[in-house]
Structures are given as C-alpha cells and as structure tokens.
Amino acid sequence: HSHSQDQAGYVVSGRIRVIVEGKSSDLGPGDSYSAPSGANHSAIALESSVVVDTFSPPREDYRRSIG
C-alpha cells in the first residue's frame, strides 16, 4: 500500500520484514525504517513484535480515532 504521509518505524522487540519499493529488509530490536510519501510498502511480523510507527504529517484517521 501507499499513503500521502512519510512513515518511519522503530522496532522495539521481535523481528519484522519491511518491503519499501520492492526492497526487502529484515529488522530486529533497535532497527528502523522509513517509507517516503507515496512509496509502495508493506511489513510482516516474523515473530511477535512491537513496532512504533510515526507519520508526518499525522494521519487524520488516527487523529479521529483518538478524539
């Protein structure tokens, strides 16, 4: 998928595979990734994981969901 915000993520625990514009990276604790606005990207958990994602500008759907 893609969206109009820049996205950056930080892996707190576990392992994930992130694919940005066809380039695959396996990430673990302490690793981070970024997907520029409009870039096709996806992620899959390779094991139980905690990831913190940020979006710039903030996603309106997230803003609405937290009031």
PDB file of N, CA and C in Angstrom:
ATOM      1  N   HIS A   1       0.841  -1.177   0.000  1.00  0.00           N
ATOM      2  CA  HIS A   1       0.000   0.000   0.000  1.00  0.00           C
ATOM      3  C   HIS A   1       0.881   1.233   0.000  1.00  0.00           C
ATOM      4  N   SER A   2       0.263   2.379  -0.124  1.00  0.00           N
ATOM      5  CA  SER A   2       0.984   3.654  -0.007  1.00  0.00           C
ATOM      6  C   SER A   2       0.017   4.675   0.574  1.00  0.00           C
ATOM      7  N   HIS A   3       0.560   5.772   1.060  1.00  0.00           N
ATOM      8  CA  HIS A   3      -0.269   6.866   1.557  1.00  0.00           C
ATOM      9  C   HIS A   3       0.479   8.174   1.405  1.00  0.00           C
ATOM     10  N   SER A   4      -0.202   9.256   1.696  1.00  0.00           N
ATOM     11  CA  SER A   4       0.372  10.578   1.415  1.00  0.00           C
ATOM     12  C   SER A   4       1.315  11.079   2.507  1.00  0.00           C
ATOM     13  N   GLN A   5       1.465  10.350   3.596  1.00  0.00           N
ATOM     14  CA  GLN A   5       2.378  10.763   4.667  1.00  0.00           C
ATOM     15  C   GLN A   5       3.718  10.030   4.550  1.00  0.00           C
ATOM     16  N   ASP A   6       4.770  10.683   5.013  1.00  0.00           N
ATOM     17  CA  ASP A   6       6.025   9.974   5.240  1.00  0.00           C
ATOM     18  C   ASP A   6       5.809   9.086   6.458  1.00  0.00           C
ATOM     19  N   GLN A   7       6.403   7.884   6.451  1.00  0.00           N
ATOM     20  CA  GLN A   7       6.257   6.966   7.577  1.00  0.00           C
ATOM     21  C   GLN A   7       7.627   6.518   8.026  1.00  0.00           C
ATOM     22  N   ALA A   8       7.841   6.479   9.334  1.00  0.00           N
ATOM     23  CA  ALA A   8       9.067   5.934   9.904  1.00  0.00           C
ATOM     24  C   ALA A   8       8.672   4.995  11.023  1.00  0.00           C
ATOM     25  N   GLY A   9       9.401   3.908  11.157  1.00  0.00           N
ATOM     26  CA  GLY A   9       9.101   2.935  12.197  1.00  0.00           C
ATOM     27  C   GLY A   9      10.355   2.516  12.931  1.00  0.00           C
ATOM     28  N   TYR A  10      10.167   2.119  14.191  1.00  0.00           N
ATOM     29  CA  TYR A  10      11.253   1.673  15.069  1.00  0.00           C
ATOM     30  C   TYR A  10      10.837   0.341  15.684  1.00  0.00           C
ATOM     31  N   VAL A  11      11.689  -0.672  15.545  1.00  0.00           N
ATOM     32  CA  VAL A  11      11.394  -1.986  16.100  1.00  0.00           C
ATOM     33  C   VAL A  11      11.846  -2.012  17.562  1.00  0.00           C
ATOM     34  N   VAL A  12      10.881  -2.161  18.458  1.00  0.00           N
ATOM     35  CA  VAL A  12      11.182  -2.235  19.890  1.00  0.00           C
ATOM     36  C   VAL A  12      11.590  -3.651  20.263  1.00  0.00           C
ATOM     37  N   SER A  13      10.836  -4.639  19.767  1.00  0.00           N
ATOM     38  CA  SER A  13      11.142  -6.040  20.048  1.00  0.00           C
ATOM     39  C   SER A  13      10.632  -6.903  18.905  1.00  0.00           C
ATOM     40  N   GLY A  14      11.184  -8.104  18.804  1.00  0.00           N
ATOM     41  CA  GLY A  14      10.771  -9.032  17.762  1.00  0.00           C
ATOM     42  C   GLY A  14      11.514  -8.789  16.465  1.00  0.00           C
ATOM     43  N   ARG A  15      10.988  -9.422  15.399  1.00  0.00           N
ATOM     44  CA  ARG A  15      11.596  -9.283  14.076  1.00  0.00           C
ATOM     45  C   ARG A  15      10.489  -9.079  13.059  1.00  0.00           C
ATOM     46  N   ILE A  16      10.737  -8.171  12.101  1.00  0.00           N
ATOM     47  CA  ILE A  16       9.780  -7.908  11.029  1.00  0.00           C
ATOM     48  C   ILE A  16      10.513  -7.875   9.693  1.00  0.00           C
ATOM     49  N   ARG A  17       9.753  -8.052   8.640  1.00  0.00           N
ATOM     50  CA  ARG A  17      10.282  -7.858   7.280  1.00  0.00           C
ATOM     51  C   ARG A  17       9.529  -6.675   6.687  1.00  0.00           C
ATOM     52  N   VAL A  18      10.270  -5.673   6.236  1.00  0.00           N
ATOM     53  CA  VAL A  18       9.691  -4.477   5.625  1.00  0.00           C
ATOM     54  C   VAL A  18      10.106  -4.455   4.160  1.00  0.00           C
ATOM     55  N   ILE A  19       9.144  -4.167   3.296  1.00  0.00           N
ATOM     56  CA  ILE A  19       9.427  -4.032   1.868  1.00  0.00           C
ATOM     57  C   ILE A  19       9.011  -2.627   1.448  1.00  0.00           C
ATOM     58  N   VAL A  20       9.984  -1.851   0.969  1.00  0.00           N
ATOM     59  CA  VAL A  20       9.732  -0.484   0.504  1.00  0.00           C
ATOM     60  C   VAL A  20      10.191  -0.414  -0.943  1.00  0.00           C
ATOM     61  N   GLU A  21       9.226  -0.113  -1.830  1.00  0.00           N
ATOM     62  CA  GLU A  21       9.512  -0.021  -3.263  1.00  0.00           C
ATOM     63  C   GLU A  21      10.288  -1.239  -3.763  1.00  0.00           C
ATOM     64  N   GLY A  22       9.872  -2.431  -3.315  1.00  0.00           N
ATOM     65  CA  GLY A  22      10.462  -3.680  -3.792  1.00  0.00           C
ATOM     66  C   GLY A  22      11.717  -4.129  -3.071  1.00  0.00           C
ATOM     67  N   LYS A  23      12.275  -3.308  -2.181  1.00  0.00           N
ATOM     68  CA  LYS A  23      13.486  -3.679  -1.455  1.00  0.00           C
ATOM     69  C   LYS A  23      13.107  -4.229  -0.085  1.00  0.00           C
ATOM     70  N   SER A  24      13.492  -5.475   0.191  1.00  0.00           N
ATOM     71  CA  SER A  24      13.135  -6.160   1.423  1.00  0.00           C
ATOM     72  C   SER A  24      14.258  -6.040   2.456  1.00  0.00           C
ATOM     73  N   SER A  25      13.872  -5.785   3.716  1.00  0.00           N
ATOM     74  CA  SER A  25      14.829  -5.716   4.818  1.00  0.00           C
ATOM     75  C   SER A  25      14.247  -6.435   6.021  1.00  0.00           C
ATOM     76  N   ASP A  26      15.034  -7.323   6.628  1.00  0.00           N
ATOM     77  CA  ASP A  26      14.640  -7.956   7.880  1.00  0.00           C
ATOM     78  C   ASP A  26      15.212  -7.125   9.017  1.00  0.00           C
ATOM     79  N   LEU A  27      14.346  -6.738   9.948  1.00  0.00           N
ATOM     80  CA  LEU A  27      14.731  -5.823  11.023  1.00  0.00           C
ATOM     81  C   LEU A  27      14.469  -6.442  12.382  1.00  0.00           C
ATOM     82  N   GLY A  28      15.287  -6.047  13.358  1.00  0.00           N
ATOM     83  CA  GLY A  28      15.133  -6.507  14.731  1.00  0.00           C
ATOM     84  C   GLY A  28      15.200  -5.341  15.698  1.00  0.00           C
ATOM     85  N   PRO A  29      15.227  -5.641  16.994  1.00  0.00           N
ATOM     86  CA  PRO A  29      15.225  -4.588  18.018  1.00  0.00           C
ATOM     87  C   PRO A  29      16.308  -3.527  17.775  1.00  0.00           C
ATOM     88  N   GLY A  30      15.882  -2.270  17.817  1.00  0.00           N
ATOM     89  CA  GLY A  30      16.800  -1.155  17.607  1.00  0.00           C
ATOM     90  C   GLY A  30      16.907  -0.704  16.167  1.00  0.00           C
ATOM     91  N   ASP A  31      16.361  -1.484  15.236  1.00  0.00           N
ATOM     92  CA  ASP A  31      16.393  -1.103  13.821  1.00  0.00           C
ATOM     93  C   ASP A  31      15.223  -0.180  13.495  1.00  0.00           C
ATOM     94  N   SER A  32      15.376   0.568  12.425  1.00  0.00           N
ATOM     95  CA  SER A  32      14.303   1.464  11.994  1.00  0.00           C
ATOM     96  C   SER A  32      14.197   1.432  10.475  1.00  0.00           C
ATOM     97  N   TYR A  33      13.101   1.959   9.974  1.00  0.00           N
ATOM     98  CA  TYR A  33      12.876   2.035   8.533  1.00  0.00           C
ATOM     99  C   TYR A  33      12.106   3.298   8.211  1.00  0.00           C
ATOM    100  N   SER A  34      12.103   3.658   6.938  1.00  0.00           N
ATOM    101  CA  SER A  34      11.296   4.793   6.503  1.00  0.00           C
ATOM    102  C   SER A  34      10.700   4.487   5.140  1.00  0.00           C
ATOM    103  N   ALA A  35       9.514   5.042   4.919  1.00  0.00           N
ATOM    104  CA  ALA A  35       8.825   4.931   3.633  1.00  0.00           C
ATOM    105  C   ALA A  35       8.354   6.327   3.275  1.00  0.00           C
ATOM    106  N   PRO A  36       8.927   6.917   2.251  1.00  0.00           N
ATOM    107  CA  PRO A  36       8.520   8.265   1.870  1.00  0.00           C
ATOM    108  C   PRO A  36       7.073   8.312   1.386  1.00  0.00           C
ATOM    109  N   SER A  37       6.498   9.463   1.432  1.00  0.00           N
ATOM    110  CA  SER A  37       5.148   9.694   0.928  1.00  0.00           C
ATOM    111  C   SER A  37       5.001   9.104  -0.472  1.00  0.00           C
ATOM    112  N   GLY A  38       3.947   8.313  -0.670  1.00  0.00           N
ATOM    113  CA  GLY A  38       3.673   7.742  -1.978  1.00  0.00           C
ATOM    114  C   GLY A  38       4.401   6.454  -2.304  1.00  0.00           C
ATOM    115  N   ALA A  39       5.366   6.041  -1.469  1.00  0.00           N
ATOM    116  CA  ALA A  39       6.125   4.817  -1.735  1.00  0.00           C
ATOM    117  C   ALA A  39       5.277   3.582  -1.419  1.00  0.00           C
ATOM    118  N   ASN A  40       5.297   2.609  -2.307  1.00  0.00           N
ATOM    119  CA  ASN A  40       4.645   1.336  -2.013  1.00  0.00           C
ATOM    120  C   ASN A  40       5.448   0.615  -0.947  1.00  0.00           C
ATOM    121  N   HIS A  41       4.755   0.147   0.100  1.00  0.00           N
ATOM    122  CA  HIS A  41       5.451  -0.522   1.188  1.00  0.00           C
ATOM    123  C   HIS A  41       4.529  -1.488   1.915  1.00  0.00           C
ATOM    124  N   SER A  42       5.150  -2.436   2.625  1.00  0.00           N
ATOM    125  CA  SER A  42       4.408  -3.396   3.436  1.00  0.00           C
ATOM    126  C   SER A  42       5.342  -3.919   4.523  1.00  0.00           C
ATOM    127  N   ALA A  43       4.739  -4.577   5.508  1.00  0.00           N
ATOM    128  CA  ALA A  43       5.515  -5.174   6.590  1.00  0.00           C
ATOM    129  C   ALA A  43       4.809  -6.441   7.055  1.00  0.00           C
ATOM    130  N   ILE A  44       5.610  -7.392   7.502  1.00  0.00           N
ATOM    131  CA  ILE A  44       5.076  -8.621   8.064  1.00  0.00           C
ATOM    132  C   ILE A  44       5.889  -8.958   9.306  1.00  0.00           C
ATOM    133  N   ALA A  45       5.195  -9.387  10.353  1.00  0.00           N
ATOM    134  CA  ALA A  45       5.880  -9.809  11.569  1.00  0.00           C
ATOM    135  C   ALA A  45       6.443 -11.207  11.348  1.00  0.00           C
ATOM    136  N   LEU A  46       7.725 -11.386  11.595  1.00  0.00           N
ATOM    137  CA  LEU A  46       8.355 -12.694  11.500  1.00  0.00           C
ATOM    138  C   LEU A  46       8.219 -13.454  12.811  1.00  0.00           C
ATOM    139  N   GLU A  47       7.899 -12.716  13.862  1.00  0.00           N
ATOM    140  CA  GLU A  47       7.609 -13.263  15.190  1.00  0.00           C
ATOM    141  C   GLU A  47       6.851 -12.184  15.946  1.00  0.00           C
ATOM    142  N   SER A  48       6.403 -12.486  17.133  1.00  0.00           N
ATOM    143  CA  SER A  48       5.703 -11.487  17.932  1.00  0.00           C
ATOM    144  C   SER A  48       6.592 -10.247  18.056  1.00  0.00           C
ATOM    145  N   SER A  49       6.041  -9.074  17.715  1.00  0.00           N
ATOM    146  CA  SER A  49       6.857  -7.863  17.613  1.00  0.00           C
ATOM    147  C   SER A  49       6.114  -6.650  18.143  1.00  0.00           C
ATOM    148  N   VAL A  50       6.887  -5.652  18.576  1.00  0.00           N
ATOM    149  CA  VAL A  50       6.358  -4.336  18.913  1.00  0.00           C
ATOM    150  C   VAL A  50       7.106  -3.331  18.051  1.00  0.00           C
ATOM    151  N   VAL A  51       6.332  -2.546  17.281  1.00  0.00           N
ATOM    152  CA  VAL A  51       6.906  -1.547  16.384  1.00  0.00           C
ATOM    153  C   VAL A  51       6.183  -0.229  16.629  1.00  0.00           C
ATOM    154  N   VAL A  52       6.937   0.852  16.731  1.00  0.00           N
ATOM    155  CA  VAL A  52       6.355   2.186  16.862  1.00  0.00           C
ATOM    156  C   VAL A  52       6.443   2.863  15.500  1.00  0.00           C
ATOM    157  N   ASP A  53       5.274   3.222  14.957  1.00  0.00           N
ATOM    158  CA  ASP A  53       5.222   3.917  13.671  1.00  0.00           C
ATOM    159  C   ASP A  53       4.881   5.381  13.886  1.00  0.00           C
ATOM    160  N   THR A  54       5.491   6.235  13.081  1.00  0.00           N
ATOM    161  CA  THR A  54       5.163   7.657  13.092  1.00  0.00           C
ATOM    162  C   THR A  54       4.853   8.091  11.667  1.00  0.00           C
ATOM    163  N   PHE A  55       3.990   9.095  11.559  1.00  0.00           N
ATOM    164  CA  PHE A  55       3.578   9.611  10.255  1.00  0.00           C
ATOM    165  C   PHE A  55       3.700  11.129  10.251  1.00  0.00           C
ATOM    166  N   SER A  56       4.181  11.665   9.140  1.00  0.00           N
ATOM    167  CA  SER A  56       4.290  13.113   9.013  1.00  0.00           C
ATOM    168  C   SER A  56       3.789  13.524   7.640  1.00  0.00           C
ATOM    169  N   PRO A  57       2.774  14.386   7.586  1.00  0.00           N
ATOM    170  CA  PRO A  57       2.010  14.902   8.722  1.00  0.00           C
ATOM    171  C   PRO A  57       1.174  13.787   9.341  1.00  0.00           C
ATOM    172  N   PRO A  58       0.650  14.016  10.561  1.00  0.00           N
ATOM    173  CA  PRO A  58      -0.142  12.981  11.230  1.00  0.00           C
ATOM    174  C   PRO A  58      -1.314  12.527  10.362  1.00  0.00           C
ATOM    175  N   ARG A  59      -1.644  11.242  10.463  1.00  0.00           N
ATOM    176  CA  ARG A  59      -2.779  10.690   9.705  1.00  0.00           C
ATOM    177  C   ARG A  59      -4.086  11.142  10.348  1.00  0.00           C
ATOM    178  N   GLU A  60      -4.967  11.698   9.537  1.00  0.00           N
ATOM    179  CA  GLU A  60      -6.262  12.182  10.044  1.00  0.00           C
ATOM    180  C   GLU A  60      -7.104  11.050  10.611  1.00  0.00           C
ATOM    181  N   ASP A  61      -7.058   9.854  10.005  1.00  0.00           N
ATOM    182  CA  ASP A  61      -7.845   8.742  10.534  1.00  0.00           C
ATOM    183  C   ASP A  61      -7.381   8.357  11.929  1.00  0.00           C
ATOM    184  N   TYR A  62      -6.093   8.460  12.221  1.00  0.00           N
ATOM    185  CA  TYR A  62      -5.598   8.194  13.567  1.00  0.00           C
ATOM    186  C   TYR A  62      -6.042   9.293  14.528  1.00  0.00           C
ATOM    187  N   ARG A  63      -5.955  10.537  14.090  1.00  0.00           N
ATOM    188  CA  ARG A  63      -6.389  11.653  14.937  1.00  0.00           C
ATOM    189  C   ARG A  63      -7.847  11.499  15.341  1.00  0.00           C
ATOM    190  N   ARG A  64      -8.702  11.129  14.384  1.00  0.00           N
ATOM    191  CA  ARG A  64     -10.131  10.952  14.681  1.00  0.00           C
ATOM    192  C   ARG A  64     -10.357   9.808  15.651  1.00  0.00           C
ATOM    193  N   SER A  65      -9.557   8.743  15.551  1.00  0.00           N
ATOM    194  CA  SER A  65      -9.781   7.571  16.392  1.00  0.00           C
ATOM    195  C   SER A  65      -9.393   7.815  17.853  1.00  0.00           C
ATOM    196  N   ILE A  66      -8.524   8.798  18.106  1.00  0.00           N
ATOM    197  CA  ILE A  66      -8.131   9.065  19.493  1.00  0.00           C
ATOM    198  C   ILE A  66      -8.833  10.292  20.060  1.00  0.00           C
ATOM    199  N   GLY A  67      -9.696  10.895  19.260  1.00  0.00           N
ATOM    200  CA  GLY A  67     -10.517  12.005  19.752  1.00  0.00           C
ATOM    201  C   GLY A  67      -9.813  13.288  19.681  1.00  0.00           C
TER     202      GLY A  67
END
